[in-house]
Amino acid sequence: MALEAINKVKTAEDQAAQILESALKESKDIIKNAEREADKQYEARLTEAYKEAEQIKSKFVSESEVESEPIMKKGKEEVDHILNVDADKFNSAVKLVIERIVNFNGNS
């Protein structure tokens, strides 16, 4: 009878060890799955954030282009005006600058 009781205790201990080992393995699997799921959610949110940032950037670039168009047009008109100055006016301006340089250096 004592031997039978010892065997039952031994069997119960073995079953408890198996249950504990199984529970430990299952908890490790749950943790790994949770980590994988967290990584997937992190990547998805990061991708979404980059997409949203790109949309915001694109919106502001478009708005900036619209706002800068009149400024660029005016600048181009001014450049064209400067480039279309009559040769006589240009030569007159060059002559005036040269005279001022010569007079300034001559008076030193």
PDB file of N, CA and C in Angstrom:
ATOM      1  N   MET A   1       0.804  -1.180   0.000  1.00  0.00           N
ATOM      2  CA  MET A   1       0.000   0.000   0.000  1.00  0.00           C
ATOM      3  C   MET A   1       0.862   1.264   0.000  1.00  0.00           C
ATOM      4  N   ALA A   2       1.925   1.277   0.750  1.00  0.00           N
ATOM      5  CA  ALA A   2       2.832   2.412   0.794  1.00  0.00           C
ATOM      6  C   ALA A   2       3.461   2.617  -0.576  1.00  0.00           C
ATOM      7  N   LEU A   3       3.804   1.532  -1.233  1.00  0.00           N
ATOM      8  CA  LEU A   3       4.406   1.616  -2.571  1.00  0.00           C
ATOM      9  C   LEU A   3       3.399   2.205  -3.558  1.00  0.00           C
ATOM     10  N   GLU A   4       2.147   1.790  -3.404  1.00  0.00           N
ATOM     11  CA  GLU A   4       1.098   2.309  -4.277  1.00  0.00           C
ATOM     12  C   GLU A   4       0.906   3.819  -4.050  1.00  0.00           C
ATOM     13  N   ALA A   5       0.953   4.264  -2.843  1.00  0.00           N
ATOM     14  CA  ALA A   5       0.820   5.684  -2.513  1.00  0.00           C
ATOM     15  C   ALA A   5       1.997   6.469  -3.069  1.00  0.00           C
ATOM     16  N   ILE A   6       3.188   5.892  -2.951  1.00  0.00           N
ATOM     17  CA  ILE A   6       4.389   6.553  -3.485  1.00  0.00           C
ATOM     18  C   ILE A   6       4.275   6.680  -4.999  1.00  0.00           C
ATOM     19  N   ASN A   7       3.792   5.634  -5.665  1.00  0.00           N
ATOM     20  CA  ASN A   7       3.633   5.663  -7.127  1.00  0.00           C
ATOM     21  C   ASN A   7       2.602   6.718  -7.539  1.00  0.00           C
ATOM     22  N   LYS A   8       1.494   6.839  -6.769  1.00  0.00           N
ATOM     23  CA  LYS A   8       0.484   7.842  -7.074  1.00  0.00           C
ATOM     24  C   LYS A   8       1.059   9.254  -6.912  1.00  0.00           C
ATOM     25  N   VAL A   9       1.852   9.435  -5.861  1.00  0.00           N
ATOM     26  CA  VAL A   9       2.484  10.741  -5.646  1.00  0.00           C
ATOM     27  C   VAL A   9       3.446  11.030  -6.786  1.00  0.00           C
ATOM     28  N   LYS A  10       4.232  10.017  -7.160  1.00  0.00           N
ATOM     29  CA  LYS A  10       5.204  10.174  -8.261  1.00  0.00           C
ATOM     30  C   LYS A  10       4.469  10.515  -9.554  1.00  0.00           C
ATOM     31  N   THR A  11       3.369   9.810  -9.833  1.00  0.00           N
ATOM     32  CA  THR A  11       2.578  10.072 -11.033  1.00  0.00           C
ATOM     33  C   THR A  11       2.006  11.495 -10.987  1.00  0.00           C
ATOM     34  N   ALA A  12       1.508  11.902  -9.848  1.00  0.00           N
ATOM     35  CA  ALA A  12       0.961  13.252  -9.696  1.00  0.00           C
ATOM     36  C   ALA A  12       2.049  14.303  -9.896  1.00  0.00           C
ATOM     37  N   GLU A  13       3.241  14.036  -9.369  1.00  0.00           N
ATOM     38  CA  GLU A  13       4.362  14.970  -9.560  1.00  0.00           C
ATOM     39  C   GLU A  13       4.734  15.068 -11.034  1.00  0.00           C
ATOM     40  N   ASP A  14       4.761  13.928 -11.725  1.00  0.00           N
ATOM     41  CA  ASP A  14       5.091  13.919 -13.157  1.00  0.00           C
ATOM     42  C   ASP A  14       4.044  14.701 -13.958  1.00  0.00           C
ATOM     43  N   GLN A  15       2.772  14.485 -13.619  1.00  0.00           N
ATOM     44  CA  GLN A  15       1.703  15.210 -14.303  1.00  0.00           C
ATOM     45  C   GLN A  15       1.803  16.712 -14.025  1.00  0.00           C
ATOM     46  N   ALA A  16       2.102  17.064 -12.804  1.00  0.00           N
ATOM     47  CA  ALA A  16       2.252  18.478 -12.443  1.00  0.00           C
ATOM     48  C   ALA A  16       3.419  19.097 -13.206  1.00  0.00           C
ATOM     49  N   ALA A  17       4.520  18.359 -13.335  1.00  0.00           N
ATOM     50  CA  ALA A  17       5.684  18.856 -14.076  1.00  0.00           C
ATOM     51  C   ALA A  17       5.328  19.056 -15.547  1.00  0.00           C
ATOM     52  N   GLN A  18       4.555  18.107 -16.120  1.00  0.00           N
ATOM     53  CA  GLN A  18       4.143  18.236 -17.519  1.00  0.00           C
ATOM     54  C   GLN A  18       3.205  19.435 -17.706  1.00  0.00           C
ATOM     55  N   ILE A  19       2.282  19.596 -16.778  1.00  0.00           N
ATOM     56  CA  ILE A  19       1.355  20.729 -16.854  1.00  0.00           C
ATOM     57  C   ILE A  19       2.127  22.037 -16.751  1.00  0.00           C
ATOM     58  N   LEU A  20       3.072  22.093 -15.831  1.00  0.00           N
ATOM     59  CA  LEU A  20       3.893  23.296 -15.651  1.00  0.00           C
ATOM     60  C   LEU A  20       4.716  23.584 -16.904  1.00  0.00           C
ATOM     61  N   GLU A  21       5.325  22.534 -17.473  1.00  0.00           N
ATOM     62  CA  GLU A  21       6.126  22.698 -18.690  1.00  0.00           C
ATOM     63  C   GLU A  21       5.251  23.168 -19.853  1.00  0.00           C
ATOM     64  N   SER A  22       4.068  22.587 -19.970  1.00  0.00           N
ATOM     65  CA  SER A  22       3.144  22.974 -21.030  1.00  0.00           C
ATOM     66  C   SER A  22       2.687  24.427 -20.852  1.00  0.00           C
ATOM     67  N   ALA A  23       2.387  24.806 -19.620  1.00  0.00           N
ATOM     68  CA  ALA A  23       1.956  26.181 -19.338  1.00  0.00           C
ATOM     69  C   ALA A  23       3.081  27.166 -19.636  1.00  0.00           C
ATOM     70  N   LEU A  24       4.304  26.794 -19.285  1.00  0.00           N
ATOM     71  CA  LEU A  24       5.457  27.659 -19.552  1.00  0.00           C
ATOM     72  C   LEU A  24       5.654  27.839 -21.058  1.00  0.00           C
ATOM     73  N   LYS A  25       5.562  26.739 -21.810  1.00  0.00           N
ATOM     74  CA  LYS A  25       5.710  26.818 -23.266  1.00  0.00           C
ATOM     75  C   LYS A  25       4.597  27.684 -23.863  1.00  0.00           C
ATOM     76  N   GLU A  26       3.384  27.484 -23.390  1.00  0.00           N
ATOM     77  CA  GLU A  26       2.253  28.258 -23.898  1.00  0.00           C
ATOM     78  C   GLU A  26       2.414  29.746 -23.579  1.00  0.00           C
ATOM     79  N   SER A  27       2.906  30.060 -22.392  1.00  0.00           N
ATOM     80  CA  SER A  27       3.106  31.472 -22.036  1.00  0.00           C
ATOM     81  C   SER A  27       4.193  32.103 -22.904  1.00  0.00           C
ATOM     82  N   LYS A  28       5.249  31.330 -23.214  1.00  0.00           N
ATOM     83  CA  LYS A  28       6.298  31.849 -24.109  1.00  0.00           C
ATOM     84  C   LYS A  28       5.734  32.090 -25.506  1.00  0.00           C
ATOM     85  N   ASP A  29       4.888  31.171 -25.983  1.00  0.00           N
ATOM     86  CA  ASP A  29       4.265  31.337 -27.300  1.00  0.00           C
ATOM     87  C   ASP A  29       3.362  32.572 -27.319  1.00  0.00           C
ATOM     88  N   ILE A  30       2.607  32.763 -26.245  1.00  0.00           N
ATOM     89  CA  ILE A  30       1.724  33.931 -26.156  1.00  0.00           C
ATOM     90  C   ILE A  30       2.545  35.214 -26.193  1.00  0.00           C
ATOM     91  N   ILE A  31       3.658  35.236 -25.466  1.00  0.00           N
ATOM     92  CA  ILE A  31       4.530  36.421 -25.447  1.00  0.00           C
ATOM     93  C   ILE A  31       5.112  36.681 -26.831  1.00  0.00           C
ATOM     94  N   LYS A  32       5.585  35.619 -27.515  1.00  0.00           N
ATOM     95  CA  LYS A  32       6.143  35.787 -28.864  1.00  0.00           C
ATOM     96  C   LYS A  32       5.085  36.322 -29.828  1.00  0.00           C
ATOM     97  N   ASN A  33       3.883  35.759 -29.746  1.00  0.00           N
ATOM     98  CA  ASN A  33       2.801  36.222 -30.623  1.00  0.00           C
ATOM     99  C   ASN A  33       2.447  37.673 -30.333  1.00  0.00           C
ATOM    100  N   ALA A  34       2.426  38.027 -29.061  1.00  0.00           N
ATOM    101  CA  ALA A  34       2.122  39.413 -28.689  1.00  0.00           C
ATOM    102  C   ALA A  34       3.202  40.357 -29.211  1.00  0.00           C
ATOM    103  N   GLU A  35       4.461  39.945 -29.114  1.00  0.00           N
ATOM    104  CA  GLU A  35       5.562  40.779 -29.630  1.00  0.00           C
ATOM    105  C   GLU A  35       5.452  40.946 -31.142  1.00  0.00           C
ATOM    106  N   ARG A  36       5.131  39.842 -31.845  1.00  0.00           N
ATOM    107  CA  ARG A  36       4.973  39.928 -33.304  1.00  0.00           C
ATOM    108  C   ARG A  36       3.815  40.849 -33.680  1.00  0.00           C
ATOM    109  N   GLU A  37       2.719  40.715 -32.964  1.00  0.00           N
ATOM    110  CA  GLU A  37       1.551  41.554 -33.236  1.00  0.00           C
ATOM    111  C   GLU A  37       1.867  43.022 -32.941  1.00  0.00           C
ATOM    112  N   ALA A  38       2.599  43.267 -31.854  1.00  0.00           N
ATOM    113  CA  ALA A  38       2.990  44.643 -31.520  1.00  0.00           C
ATOM    114  C   ALA A  38       3.885  45.219 -32.611  1.00  0.00           C
ATOM    115  N   ASP A  39       4.821  44.404 -33.116  1.00  0.00           N
ATOM    116  CA  ASP A  39       5.699  44.861 -34.200  1.00  0.00           C
ATOM    117  C   ASP A  39       4.887  45.178 -35.458  1.00  0.00           C
ATOM    118  N   LYS A  40       3.915  44.323 -35.783  1.00  0.00           N
ATOM    119  CA  LYS A  40       3.081  44.563 -36.964  1.00  0.00           C
ATOM    120  C   LYS A  40       2.283  45.856 -36.815  1.00  0.00           C
ATOM    121  N   GLN A  41       1.717  46.059 -35.640  1.00  0.00           N
ATOM    122  CA  GLN A  41       0.940  47.277 -35.415  1.00  0.00           C
ATOM    123  C   GLN A  41       1.838  48.509 -35.452  1.00  0.00           C
ATOM    124  N   TYR A  42       3.036  48.384 -34.888  1.00  0.00           N
ATOM    125  CA  TYR A  42       3.992  49.499 -34.909  1.00  0.00           C
ATOM    126  C   TYR A  42       4.347  49.855 -36.348  1.00  0.00           C
ATOM    127  N   GLU A  43       4.669  48.849 -37.151  1.00  0.00           N
ATOM    128  CA  GLU A  43       5.021  49.083 -38.553  1.00  0.00           C
ATOM    129  C   GLU A  43       3.844  49.694 -39.313  1.00  0.00           C
ATOM    130  N   ALA A  44       2.641  49.199 -39.047  1.00  0.00           N
ATOM    131  CA  ALA A  44       1.457  49.733 -39.735  1.00  0.00           C
ATOM    132  C   ALA A  44       1.239  51.197 -39.365  1.00  0.00           C
ATOM    133  N   ARG A  45       1.388  51.523 -38.099  1.00  0.00           N
ATOM    134  CA  ARG A  45       1.203  52.915 -37.669  1.00  0.00           C
ATOM    135  C   ARG A  45       2.309  53.807 -38.206  1.00  0.00           C
ATOM    136  N   LEU A  46       3.518  53.286 -38.241  1.00  0.00           N
ATOM    137  CA  LEU A  46       4.637  54.056 -38.784  1.00  0.00           C
ATOM    138  C   LEU A  46       4.423  54.326 -40.272  1.00  0.00           C
ATOM    139  N   THR A  47       4.001  53.306 -41.001  1.00  0.00           N
ATOM    140  CA  THR A  47       3.718  53.469 -42.428  1.00  0.00           C
ATOM    141  C   THR A  47       2.608  54.493 -42.637  1.00  0.00           C
ATOM    142  N   GLU A  48       1.574  54.408 -41.828  1.00  0.00           N
ATOM    143  CA  GLU A  48       0.461  55.358 -41.929  1.00  0.00           C
ATOM    144  C   GLU A  48       0.930  56.779 -41.615  1.00  0.00           C
ATOM    145  N   ALA A  49       1.796  56.914 -40.617  1.00  0.00           N
ATOM    146  CA  ALA A  49       2.310  58.241 -40.255  1.00  0.00           C
ATOM    147  C   ALA A  49       3.144  58.824 -41.392  1.00  0.00           C
ATOM    148  N   TYR A  50       3.994  57.993 -42.020  1.00  0.00           N
ATOM    149  CA  TYR A  50       4.790  58.472 -43.154  1.00  0.00           C
ATOM    150  C   TYR A  50       3.881  58.887 -44.314  1.00  0.00           C
ATOM    151  N   LYS A  51       2.846  58.095 -44.559  1.00  0.00           N
ATOM    152  CA  LYS A  51       1.915  58.407 -45.645  1.00  0.00           C
ATOM    153  C   LYS A  51       1.213  59.742 -45.367  1.00  0.00           C
ATOM    154  N   GLU A  52       0.778  59.922 -44.132  1.00  0.00           N
ATOM    155  CA  GLU A  52       0.099  61.165 -43.762  1.00  0.00           C
ATOM    156  C   GLU A  52       1.050  62.354 -43.866  1.00  0.00           C
ATOM    157  N   ALA A  53       2.297  62.167 -43.422  1.00  0.00           N
ATOM    158  CA  ALA A  53       3.286  63.243 -43.510  1.00  0.00           C
ATOM    159  C   ALA A  53       3.547  63.609 -44.972  1.00  0.00           C
ATOM    160  N   GLU A  54       3.606  62.613 -45.829  1.00  0.00           N
ATOM    161  CA  GLU A  54       3.837  62.863 -47.258  1.00  0.00           C
ATOM    162  C   GLU A  54       2.663  63.629 -47.866  1.00  0.00           C
ATOM    163  N   GLN A  55       1.447  63.291 -47.456  1.00  0.00           N
ATOM    164  CA  GLN A  55       0.269  64.004 -47.955  1.00  0.00           C
ATOM    165  C   GLN A  55       0.283  65.464 -47.500  1.00  0.00           C
ATOM    166  N   ILE A  56       0.639  65.687 -46.236  1.00  0.00           N
ATOM    167  CA  ILE A  56       0.706  67.057 -45.716  1.00  0.00           C
ATOM    168  C   ILE A  56       1.779  67.841 -46.460  1.00  0.00           C
ATOM    169  N   LYS A  57       2.934  67.211 -46.657  1.00  0.00           N
ATOM    170  CA  LYS A  57       4.033  67.864 -47.378  1.00  0.00           C
ATOM    171  C   LYS A  57       3.595  68.211 -48.801  1.00  0.00           C
ATOM    172  N   SER A  58       2.955  67.273 -49.469  1.00  0.00           N
ATOM    173  CA  SER A  58       2.496  67.495 -50.840  1.00  0.00           C
ATOM    174  C   SER A  58       1.489  68.640 -50.896  1.00  0.00           C
ATOM    175  N   LYS A  59       0.592  68.692 -49.916  1.00  0.00           N
ATOM    176  CA  LYS A  59      -0.404  69.761 -49.860  1.00  0.00           C
ATOM    177  C   LYS A  59       0.276  71.118 -49.723  1.00  0.00           C
ATOM    178  N   PHE A  60       1.260  71.214 -48.811  1.00  0.00           N
ATOM    179  CA  PHE A  60       1.927  72.493 -48.599  1.00  0.00           C
ATOM    180  C   PHE A  60       2.800  72.887 -49.790  1.00  0.00           C
ATOM    181  N   VAL A  61       3.385  71.904 -50.468  1.00  0.00           N
ATOM    182  CA  VAL A  61       4.160  72.214 -51.672  1.00  0.00           C
ATOM    183  C   VAL A  61       3.229  72.784 -52.740  1.00  0.00           C
ATOM    184  N   SER A  62       2.074  72.161 -52.913  1.00  0.00           N
ATOM    185  CA  SER A  62       1.107  72.657 -53.906  1.00  0.00           C
ATOM    186  C   SER A  62       0.639  74.065 -53.559  1.00  0.00           C
ATOM    187  N   GLU A  63       0.316  74.289 -52.283  1.00  0.00           N
ATOM    188  CA  GLU A  63      -0.118  75.624 -51.863  1.00  0.00           C
ATOM    189  C   GLU A  63       0.992  76.651 -52.063  1.00  0.00           C
ATOM    190  N   SER A  64       2.223  76.248 -51.771  1.00  0.00           N
ATOM    191  CA  SER A  64       3.356  77.165 -51.943  1.00  0.00           C
ATOM    192  C   SER A  64       3.559  77.519 -53.405  1.00  0.00           C
ATOM    193  N   GLU A  65       3.395  76.531 -54.278  1.00  0.00           N
ATOM    194  CA  GLU A  65       3.541  76.799 -55.708  1.00  0.00           C
ATOM    195  C   GLU A  65       2.476  77.787 -56.184  1.00  0.00           C
ATOM    196  N   VAL A  66       1.257  77.608 -55.706  1.00  0.00           N
ATOM    197  CA  VAL A  66       0.171  78.525 -56.088  1.00  0.00           C
ATOM    198  C   VAL A  66       0.466  79.930 -55.571  1.00  0.00           C
ATOM    199  N   GLU A  67       0.907  80.029 -54.312  1.00  0.00           N
ATOM    200  CA  GLU A  67       1.190  81.339 -53.723  1.00  0.00           C
ATOM    201  C   GLU A  67       2.404  82.011 -54.365  1.00  0.00           C
ATOM    202  N   SER A  68       3.379  81.216 -54.780  1.00  0.00           N
ATOM    203  CA  SER A  68       4.599  81.813 -55.334  1.00  0.00           C
ATOM    204  C   SER A  68       4.471  82.139 -56.822  1.00  0.00           C
ATOM    205  N   GLU A  69       3.448  81.632 -57.474  1.00  0.00           N
ATOM    206  CA  GLU A  69       3.289  81.856 -58.918  1.00  0.00           C
ATOM    207  C   GLU A  69       3.252  83.343 -59.282  1.00  0.00           C
ATOM    208  N   PRO A  70       2.452  84.179 -58.600  1.00  0.00           N
ATOM    209  CA  PRO A  70       2.447  85.607 -58.957  1.00  0.00           C
ATOM    210  C   PRO A  70       3.809  86.266 -58.708  1.00  0.00           C
ATOM    211  N   ILE A  71       4.480  85.863 -57.649  1.00  0.00           N
ATOM    212  CA  ILE A  71       5.799  86.434 -57.341  1.00  0.00           C
ATOM    213  C   ILE A  71       6.795  86.057 -58.430  1.00  0.00           C
ATOM    214  N   MET A  72       6.768  84.781 -58.838  1.00  0.00           N
ATOM    215  CA  MET A  72       7.670  84.325 -59.898  1.00  0.00           C
ATOM    216  C   MET A  72       7.358  85.034 -61.216  1.00  0.00           C
ATOM    217  N   LYS A  73       6.068  85.224 -61.499  1.00  0.00           N
ATOM    218  CA  LYS A  73       5.667  85.899 -62.736  1.00  0.00           C
ATOM    219  C   LYS A  73       6.182  87.334 -62.740  1.00  0.00           C
ATOM    220  N   LYS A  74       6.006  88.025 -61.605  1.00  0.00           N
ATOM    221  CA  LYS A  74       6.475  89.410 -61.509  1.00  0.00           C
ATOM    222  C   LYS A  74       7.999  89.473 -61.664  1.00  0.00           C
ATOM    223  N   GLY A  75       8.699  88.531 -61.025  1.00  0.00           N
ATOM    224  CA  GLY A  75      10.158  88.493 -61.151  1.00  0.00           C
ATOM    225  C   GLY A  75      10.592  88.269 -62.587  1.00  0.00           C
ATOM    226  N   LYS A  76       9.898  87.375 -63.287  1.00  0.00           N
ATOM    227  CA  LYS A  76      10.233  87.122 -64.691  1.00  0.00           C
ATOM    228  C   LYS A  76       9.985  88.372 -65.531  1.00  0.00           C
ATOM    229  N   GLU A  77       8.882  89.059 -65.244  1.00  0.00           N
ATOM    230  CA  GLU A  77       8.589  90.295 -65.980  1.00  0.00           C
ATOM    231  C   GLU A  77       9.684  91.334 -65.743  1.00  0.00           C
ATOM    232  N   GLU A  78      10.143  91.440 -64.504  1.00  0.00           N
ATOM    233  CA  GLU A  78      11.208  92.400 -64.198  1.00  0.00           C
ATOM    234  C   GLU A  78      12.511  92.024 -64.899  1.00  0.00           C
ATOM    235  N   VAL A  79      12.810  90.728 -64.925  1.00  0.00           N
ATOM    236  CA  VAL A  79      14.016  90.271 -65.635  1.00  0.00           C
ATOM    237  C   VAL A  79      13.890  90.580 -67.118  1.00  0.00           C
ATOM    238  N   ASP A  80      12.731  90.273 -67.687  1.00  0.00           N
ATOM    239  CA  ASP A  80      12.517  90.569 -69.109  1.00  0.00           C
ATOM    240  C   ASP A  80      12.653  92.066 -69.379  1.00  0.00           C
ATOM    241  N   HIS A  81      12.126  92.879 -68.481  1.00  0.00           N
ATOM    242  CA  HIS A  81      12.224  94.333 -68.634  1.00  0.00           C
ATOM    243  C   HIS A  81      13.692  94.772 -68.611  1.00  0.00           C
ATOM    244  N   ILE A  82      14.440  94.219 -67.674  1.00  0.00           N
ATOM    245  CA  ILE A  82      15.866  94.572 -67.579  1.00  0.00           C
ATOM    246  C   ILE A  82      16.612  94.122 -68.829  1.00  0.00           C
ATOM    247  N   LEU A  83      16.286  92.923 -69.312  1.00  0.00           N
ATOM    248  CA  LEU A  83      16.971  92.405 -70.500  1.00  0.00           C
ATOM    249  C   LEU A  83      16.575  93.152 -71.771  1.00  0.00           C
ATOM    250  N   ASN A  84      15.433  93.796 -71.767  1.00  0.00           N
ATOM    251  CA  ASN A  84      14.956  94.506 -72.952  1.00  0.00           C
ATOM    252  C   ASN A  84      15.259  96.001 -72.917  1.00  0.00           C
ATOM    253  N   VAL A  85      16.168  96.399 -72.062  1.00  0.00           N
ATOM    254  CA  VAL A  85      16.548  97.817 -71.998  1.00  0.00           C
ATOM    255  C   VAL A  85      17.207  98.199 -73.324  1.00  0.00           C
ATOM    256  N   ASP A  86      16.870  99.377 -73.834  1.00  0.00           N
ATOM    257  CA  ASP A  86      17.462  99.856 -75.089  1.00  0.00           C
ATOM    258  C   ASP A  86      18.976  99.897 -74.969  1.00  0.00           C
ATOM    259  N   ALA A  87      19.622  99.655 -76.082  1.00  0.00           N
ATOM    260  CA  ALA A  87      21.083  99.695 -76.115  1.00  0.00           C
ATOM    261  C   ALA A  87      21.582 101.090 -75.762  1.00  0.00           C
ATOM    262  N   ASP A  88      20.869 102.125 -76.199  1.00  0.00           N
ATOM    263  CA  ASP A  88      21.281 103.505 -75.890  1.00  0.00           C
ATOM    264  C   ASP A  88      21.231 103.758 -74.388  1.00  0.00           C
ATOM    265  N   LYS A  89      20.152 103.311 -73.729  1.00  0.00           N
ATOM    266  CA  LYS A  89      20.048 103.500 -72.283  1.00  0.00           C
ATOM    267  C   LYS A  89      21.145 102.716 -71.567  1.00  0.00           C
ATOM    268  N   PHE A  90      21.397 101.510 -72.059  1.00  0.00           N
ATOM    269  CA  PHE A  90      22.428 100.680 -71.446  1.00  0.00           C
ATOM    270  C   PHE A  90      23.792 101.347 -71.582  1.00  0.00           C
ATOM    271  N   ASN A  91      24.111 101.794 -72.794  1.00  0.00           N
ATOM    272  CA  ASN A  91      25.402 102.449 -73.025  1.00  0.00           C
ATOM    273  C   ASN A  91      25.524 103.721 -72.199  1.00  0.00           C
ATOM    274  N   SER A  92      24.429 104.448 -72.066  1.00  0.00           N
ATOM    275  CA  SER A  92      24.427 105.669 -71.268  1.00  0.00           C
ATOM    276  C   SER A  92      24.702 105.342 -69.805  1.00  0.00           C
ATOM    277  N   ALA A  93      24.088 104.276 -69.296  1.00  0.00           N
ATOM    278  CA  ALA A  93      24.297 103.874 -67.902  1.00  0.00           C
ATOM    279  C   ALA A  93      25.735 103.427 -67.686  1.00  0.00           C
ATOM    280  N   VAL A  94      26.284 102.672 -68.629  1.00  0.00           N
ATOM    281  CA  VAL A  94      27.677 102.222 -68.518  1.00  0.00           C
ATOM    282  C   VAL A  94      28.608 103.425 -68.506  1.00  0.00           C
ATOM    283  N   LYS A  95      28.352 104.373 -69.399  1.00  0.00           N
ATOM    284  CA  LYS A  95      29.186 105.577 -69.474  1.00  0.00           C
ATOM    285  C   LYS A  95      29.134 106.342 -68.155  1.00  0.00           C
ATOM    286  N   LEU A  96      27.936 106.469 -67.575  1.00  0.00           N
ATOM    287  CA  LEU A  96      27.769 107.176 -66.308  1.00  0.00           C
ATOM    288  C   LEU A  96      28.542 106.482 -65.188  1.00  0.00           C
ATOM    289  N   VAL A  97      28.464 105.166 -65.120  1.00  0.00           N
ATOM    290  CA  VAL A  97      29.189 104.412 -64.088  1.00  0.00           C
ATOM    291  C   VAL A  97      30.687 104.595 -64.263  1.00  0.00           C
ATOM    292  N   ILE A  98      31.158 104.519 -65.496  1.00  0.00           N
ATOM    293  CA  ILE A  98      32.594 104.695 -65.752  1.00  0.00           C
ATOM    294  C   ILE A  98      33.039 106.091 -65.343  1.00  0.00           C
ATOM    295  N   GLU A  99      32.243 107.101 -65.666  1.00  0.00           N
ATOM    296  CA  GLU A  99      32.591 108.475 -65.282  1.00  0.00           C
ATOM    297  C   GLU A  99      32.687 108.614 -63.769  1.00  0.00           C
ATOM    298  N   ARG A 100      31.756 108.020 -63.060  1.00  0.00           N
ATOM    299  CA  ARG A 100      31.794 108.115 -61.594  1.00  0.00           C
ATOM    300  C   ARG A 100      33.013 107.408 -61.026  1.00  0.00           C
ATOM    301  N   ILE A 101      33.345 106.270 -61.593  1.00  0.00           N
ATOM    302  CA  ILE A 101      34.535 105.555 -61.112  1.00  0.00           C
ATOM    303  C   ILE A 101      35.783 106.377 -61.381  1.00  0.00           C
ATOM    304  N   VAL A 102      35.885 106.911 -62.582  1.00  0.00           N
ATOM    305  CA  VAL A 102      37.057 107.712 -62.946  1.00  0.00           C
ATOM    306  C   VAL A 102      37.124 108.961 -62.076  1.00  0.00           C
ATOM    307  N   ASN A 103      36.018 109.644 -61.905  1.00  0.00           N
ATOM    308  CA  ASN A 103      36.000 110.852 -61.074  1.00  0.00           C
ATOM    309  C   ASN A 103      36.342 110.533 -59.625  1.00  0.00           C
ATOM    310  N   PHE A 104      35.826 109.437 -59.115  1.00  0.00           N
ATOM    311  CA  PHE A 104      36.105 109.060 -57.729  1.00  0.00           C
ATOM    312  C   PHE A 104      37.586 108.759 -57.560  1.00  0.00           C
ATOM    313  N   ASN A 105      38.145 107.979 -58.488  1.00  0.00           N
ATOM    314  CA  ASN A 105      39.567 107.631 -58.403  1.00  0.00           C
ATOM    315  C   ASN A 105      40.453 108.830 -58.732  1.00  0.00           C
ATOM    316  N   GLY A 106      39.982 109.701 -59.587  1.00  0.00           N
ATOM    317  CA  GLY A 106      40.765 110.881 -59.955  1.00  0.00           C
ATOM    318  C   GLY A 106      40.834 111.886 -58.819  1.00  0.00           C
ATOM    319  N   ASN A 107      39.853 111.896 -57.942  1.00  0.00           N
ATOM    320  CA  ASN A 107      39.812 112.843 -56.832  1.00  0.00           C
ATOM    321  C   ASN A 107      40.536 112.321 -55.603  1.00  0.00           C
ATOM    322  N   SER A 108      41.079 111.149 -55.641  1.00  0.00           N
ATOM    323  CA  SER A 108      41.721 110.573 -54.462  1.00  0.00           C
ATOM    324  C   SER A 108      43.024 111.222 -54.151  1.00  0.00           C
TER     325      SER A 108
END
